[in-house]
Amino acid sequence: TFMGVMAKDYPILQYSEAFDFMDQINPKFVAAGRLRSGRQGFMVVETDLLNDGPLAEFDPHKLYAVLRTSHDGTRAVEVSCMPLRGRCMNQLTLKTWSRGARYRWAIKHTSSMKAKLAEAQDTLRRLGAYATVYRTHVDRLVHTKLHEETARLIVRTALPDRARREDQIEAILELWHVADTVGFDGTAWGLLNGVSEYFDHRRQGGSPESRFIGALQGVTHRTINAVAGQLLALTG
């Protein structure tokens, strides 16, 4: 399939090289495949960076590293952090609002193993920094109580002003209060996961690919981060 014409200096990352790079982070692959009809590819490896501590006891998570690359010039080679809640399998690609702990960054495409190892070590450092800040954010949100009207206002502010916005708000608040997969009713953490649950699993339409991309950079990612930013501002 024709993908496009690349300039001579455009560094194509072959999938075999991408597997080689991700092996240096963790050999436990959980997913890999193509996106955009093969124009982009992705790989996911599991890390052990959220497997211990208080978070693992009261709300178990897994932290994954997601690599994406393209063969048509539409995307740089990049790694994203993907926390996944065991309780509901929500993809919580939260920002940290910290330069020292980003959730997504570009990596260099290098051919030598020495350079790949250096990039992998830097990626592991970045993943660790993200995990530290993520734990802190979750702890703050778990211990923040919310009134119903405050929660409603936060969700309304995060959603675009469209015809079904009020129906979406009611659906999210219901998940916040009663869904076993969400839990933490009455807290900021529960509300955030109510939003994530709605966009990840309860909206109609979409495909597995669109939901995956949406969590990484689309409407799901934008909405949960708009909500998270408001909630964290309440915690001081």
Protein backbone atom coordinates (compact mmCIF):
# COMPACT_ATOMS: atom_id res chain seq x y z
CA THR A 1 0.00 0.00 0.00
CA PHE A 2 1.34 3.39 -0.99
CA MET A 3 2.00 5.47 2.11
CA GLY A 4 3.60 8.62 0.71
CA VAL A 5 6.87 10.05 -0.51
CA MET A 6 9.32 10.95 2.24
CA ALA A 7 12.27 13.31 2.09
CA LYS A 8 15.69 11.71 2.20
CA ASP A 9 16.28 13.00 5.72
CA TYR A 10 12.98 11.61 7.12
CA PRO A 11 13.95 8.84 9.56
CA ILE A 12 11.67 5.85 9.03
CA LEU A 13 11.54 3.63 12.12
CA GLN A 14 10.97 0.06 11.00
CA TYR A 15 8.82 -2.08 13.25
CA SER A 16 11.69 -4.46 13.94
CA GLU A 17 13.72 -1.51 15.26
CA ALA A 18 10.78 -0.32 17.35
CA PHE A 19 10.41 -3.77 18.94
CA ASP A 20 14.13 -3.71 19.64
CA PHE A 21 13.83 -0.33 21.36
CA MET A 22 10.81 -1.33 23.46
CA ASP A 23 12.59 -4.52 24.52
CA GLN A 24 15.12 -2.30 26.28
CA ILE A 25 12.31 -0.76 28.36
CA ASN A 26 10.48 -3.99 29.20
CA PRO A 27 10.14 -7.20 27.18
CA LYS A 28 6.56 -7.69 28.39
CA PHE A 29 4.60 -6.65 25.30
CA VAL A 30 0.83 -6.48 25.71
CA ALA A 31 -0.23 -5.06 22.34
CA ALA A 32 1.09 -4.02 18.95
CA GLY A 33 -0.51 -3.22 15.65
CA ARG A 34 -1.19 -0.71 12.95
CA LEU A 35 -3.30 2.45 12.92
CA ARG A 36 -4.64 4.67 10.14
CA SER A 37 -4.68 1.77 7.65
CA GLY A 38 -1.04 0.99 8.28
CA ARG A 39 0.27 4.53 8.01
CA GLN A 40 1.03 4.50 11.72
CA GLY A 41 2.06 1.73 14.08
CA PHE A 42 2.00 1.28 17.85
CA MET A 43 3.47 -0.95 20.52
CA VAL A 44 2.60 -1.22 24.22
CA VAL A 45 4.76 -2.66 27.00
CA GLU A 46 3.85 -3.08 30.65
CA THR A 47 5.99 -1.54 33.39
CA ASP A 48 6.01 -2.24 37.12
CA LEU A 49 6.10 1.42 38.16
CA LEU A 50 2.63 1.53 39.76
CA ASN A 51 2.68 -1.98 41.20
CA ASP A 52 3.45 -1.03 44.81
CA GLY A 53 2.68 1.59 47.43
CA PRO A 54 -0.69 2.82 48.74
CA LEU A 55 -2.16 3.29 45.25
CA ALA A 56 -1.67 -0.40 44.47
CA GLU A 57 -3.60 -1.28 47.62
CA PHE A 58 -6.70 0.91 47.36
CA ASP A 59 -6.99 1.29 43.55
CA PRO A 60 -4.64 -1.03 41.60
CA HIS A 61 -3.18 0.33 38.39
CA LYS A 62 -0.78 -0.70 35.67
CA LEU A 63 1.45 1.81 33.88
CA TYR A 64 2.17 1.13 30.22
CA ALA A 65 4.56 2.71 27.76
CA VAL A 66 2.99 3.29 24.34
CA LEU A 67 5.24 3.85 21.34
CA ARG A 68 3.77 5.30 18.15
CA THR A 69 5.48 5.97 14.85
CA SER A 70 4.46 6.67 11.26
CA HIS A 71 5.51 5.73 7.76
CA ASP A 72 3.93 8.74 6.08
CA GLY A 73 5.35 11.70 8.01
CA THR A 74 2.22 12.33 10.10
CA ARG A 75 3.76 11.53 13.49
CA ALA A 76 7.14 11.66 15.12
CA VAL A 77 8.50 8.68 17.00
CA GLU A 78 7.03 9.18 20.45
CA VAL A 79 6.38 7.46 23.77
CA SER A 80 3.28 8.08 25.92
CA CYS A 81 2.44 7.05 29.48
CA MET A 82 -0.80 5.08 29.76
CA PRO A 83 -2.07 4.38 33.31
CA LEU A 84 -4.83 1.76 33.26
CA ARG A 85 -7.11 1.16 36.25
CA GLY A 86 -7.64 -2.51 37.02
CA ARG A 87 -11.11 -1.79 38.37
CA CYS A 88 -12.54 -0.52 35.09
CA MET A 89 -9.74 -0.63 32.47
CA ASN A 90 -10.04 3.14 31.97
CA GLN A 91 -7.21 4.71 29.98
CA LEU A 92 -6.13 7.65 32.12
CA THR A 93 -3.57 9.53 30.04
CA LEU A 94 -3.35 12.38 32.52
CA LYS A 95 -0.98 15.27 32.14
CA THR A 96 1.14 16.21 35.11
CA TRP A 97 1.40 19.94 34.34
CA SER A 98 5.10 19.60 35.14
CA ARG A 99 8.01 20.00 32.74
CA GLY A 100 9.92 17.39 34.65
CA ALA A 101 7.22 14.73 34.30
CA ARG A 102 5.52 14.79 30.93
CA TYR A 103 3.08 12.14 29.81
CA ARG A 104 4.31 12.14 26.18
CA TRP A 105 7.61 12.93 24.47
CA ALA A 106 9.44 12.36 21.21
CA ILE A 107 12.42 10.01 21.01
CA LYS A 108 15.32 9.95 18.59
CA HIS A 109 15.38 7.35 15.84
CA THR A 110 18.84 5.84 16.10
CA SER A 111 20.38 2.78 14.50
CA SER A 112 23.14 1.91 16.96
CA MET A 113 22.41 -0.26 19.98
CA LYS A 114 24.39 2.06 22.25
CA ALA A 115 22.21 5.00 21.28
CA LYS A 116 19.05 2.90 21.66
CA LEU A 117 20.10 1.90 25.17
CA ALA A 118 20.66 5.56 26.07
CA GLU A 119 17.21 6.48 24.74
CA ALA A 120 15.64 3.55 26.61
CA GLN A 121 17.29 4.57 29.88
CA ASP A 122 16.03 8.13 29.42
CA THR A 123 12.54 6.77 28.71
CA LEU A 124 12.61 4.69 31.90
CA ARG A 125 13.64 7.78 33.86
CA ARG A 126 10.77 9.75 32.34
CA LEU A 127 8.30 6.95 33.08
CA GLY A 128 9.47 6.89 36.69
CA ALA A 129 9.08 10.66 37.04
CA TYR A 130 5.57 10.45 35.61
CA ALA A 131 4.59 7.62 37.98
CA THR A 132 5.72 9.66 40.99
CA VAL A 133 3.64 12.70 40.05
CA TYR A 134 0.66 10.52 39.04
CA ARG A 135 0.56 8.93 42.50
CA THR A 136 0.59 12.39 44.09
CA HIS A 137 -2.28 13.60 41.90
CA VAL A 138 -4.39 10.53 42.66
CA ASP A 139 -3.83 10.94 46.41
CA ARG A 140 -4.94 14.58 46.25
CA LEU A 141 -8.06 13.73 44.25
CA VAL A 142 -9.05 10.81 46.48
CA HIS A 143 -9.01 13.07 49.53
CA THR A 144 -10.99 15.89 47.91
CA LYS A 145 -14.76 15.81 48.57
CA LEU A 146 -17.14 17.42 46.08
CA HIS A 147 -20.65 18.80 46.29
CA GLU A 148 -23.03 17.77 43.53
CA GLU A 149 -23.33 21.24 42.03
CA THR A 150 -19.57 21.74 42.00
CA ALA A 151 -19.15 18.45 40.16
CA ARG A 152 -21.88 19.39 37.70
CA LEU A 153 -20.26 22.75 36.96
CA ILE A 154 -16.83 21.20 36.43
CA VAL A 155 -18.15 18.65 33.95
CA ARG A 156 -20.26 21.26 32.13
CA THR A 157 -17.22 23.51 31.75
CA ALA A 158 -15.17 20.65 30.29
CA LEU A 159 -17.75 19.53 27.73
CA PRO A 160 -18.44 21.41 24.47
CA ASP A 161 -21.72 23.32 24.34
CA ARG A 162 -23.70 20.94 22.15
CA ALA A 163 -27.25 19.64 22.07
CA ARG A 164 -26.63 16.55 24.23
CA ARG A 165 -24.34 18.13 26.80
CA GLU A 166 -26.88 18.00 29.66
CA ASP A 167 -27.59 14.33 28.94
CA GLN A 168 -23.86 13.62 29.03
CA ILE A 169 -23.51 15.44 32.35
CA GLU A 170 -26.31 13.41 33.92
CA ALA A 171 -24.81 10.15 32.63
CA ILE A 172 -21.40 11.03 34.06
CA LEU A 173 -22.82 12.03 37.45
CA GLU A 174 -24.81 8.80 37.62
CA LEU A 175 -21.63 6.80 36.97
CA TRP A 176 -19.90 8.84 39.68
CA HIS A 177 -22.57 7.91 42.20
CA VAL A 178 -23.49 4.30 41.41
CA ALA A 179 -21.05 2.55 39.06
CA ASP A 180 -19.04 -0.19 40.78
CA THR A 181 -16.33 0.20 38.15
CA VAL A 182 -15.90 3.87 39.10
CA GLY A 183 -16.15 3.87 42.90
CA PHE A 184 -15.02 6.70 45.18
CA ASP A 185 -18.44 8.37 45.16
CA GLY A 186 -18.40 11.97 46.34
CA THR A 187 -14.69 12.48 45.65
CA ALA A 188 -12.77 14.25 42.91
CA TRP A 189 -11.10 10.96 41.97
CA GLY A 190 -14.49 9.33 41.54
CA LEU A 191 -15.73 12.16 39.32
CA LEU A 192 -12.65 11.99 37.11
CA ASN A 193 -13.17 8.27 36.66
CA GLY A 194 -16.85 8.81 35.95
CA VAL A 195 -15.80 11.04 33.05
CA SER A 196 -13.22 8.51 31.90
CA GLU A 197 -15.71 5.64 32.17
CA TYR A 198 -18.26 7.51 30.08
CA PHE A 199 -15.85 8.41 27.28
CA ASP A 200 -13.98 5.11 27.27
CA HIS A 201 -16.89 2.69 27.52
CA ARG A 202 -20.37 4.23 27.61
CA ARG A 203 -20.51 6.49 24.56
CA GLN A 204 -22.14 5.02 21.49
CA GLY A 205 -20.23 4.52 18.26
CA GLY A 206 -16.53 4.45 17.64
CA SER A 207 -14.14 1.58 17.11
CA PRO A 208 -11.42 0.05 19.30
CA GLU A 209 -8.89 2.06 17.26
CA SER A 210 -10.75 5.36 17.68
CA ARG A 211 -11.15 4.78 21.44
CA PHE A 212 -7.43 4.01 21.77
CA ILE A 213 -6.39 7.11 19.81
CA GLY A 214 -9.02 9.19 21.61
CA ALA A 215 -7.48 8.31 24.96
CA LEU A 216 -4.00 9.23 23.75
CA GLN A 217 -4.75 12.51 22.01
CA GLY A 218 -8.44 12.87 21.13
CA VAL A 219 -11.65 13.92 22.84
CA THR A 220 -11.27 11.47 25.74
CA HIS A 221 -7.80 12.76 26.52
CA ARG A 222 -8.84 16.40 26.23
CA THR A 223 -11.94 16.01 28.39
CA ILE A 224 -10.43 14.06 31.27
CA ASN A 225 -7.52 16.50 31.41
CA ALA A 226 -9.86 19.50 31.37
CA VAL A 227 -11.71 17.93 34.33
CA ALA A 228 -8.48 16.91 36.10
CA GLY A 229 -7.06 20.42 35.80
CA GLN A 230 -10.12 21.92 37.48
CA LEU A 231 -10.18 19.27 40.20
CA LEU A 232 -6.50 19.66 41.04
CA ALA A 233 -6.97 23.42 41.25
CA LEU A 234 -9.53 22.79 44.01
CA THR A 235 -6.96 20.85 46.02
CA GLY A 236 -4.58 23.79 46.11
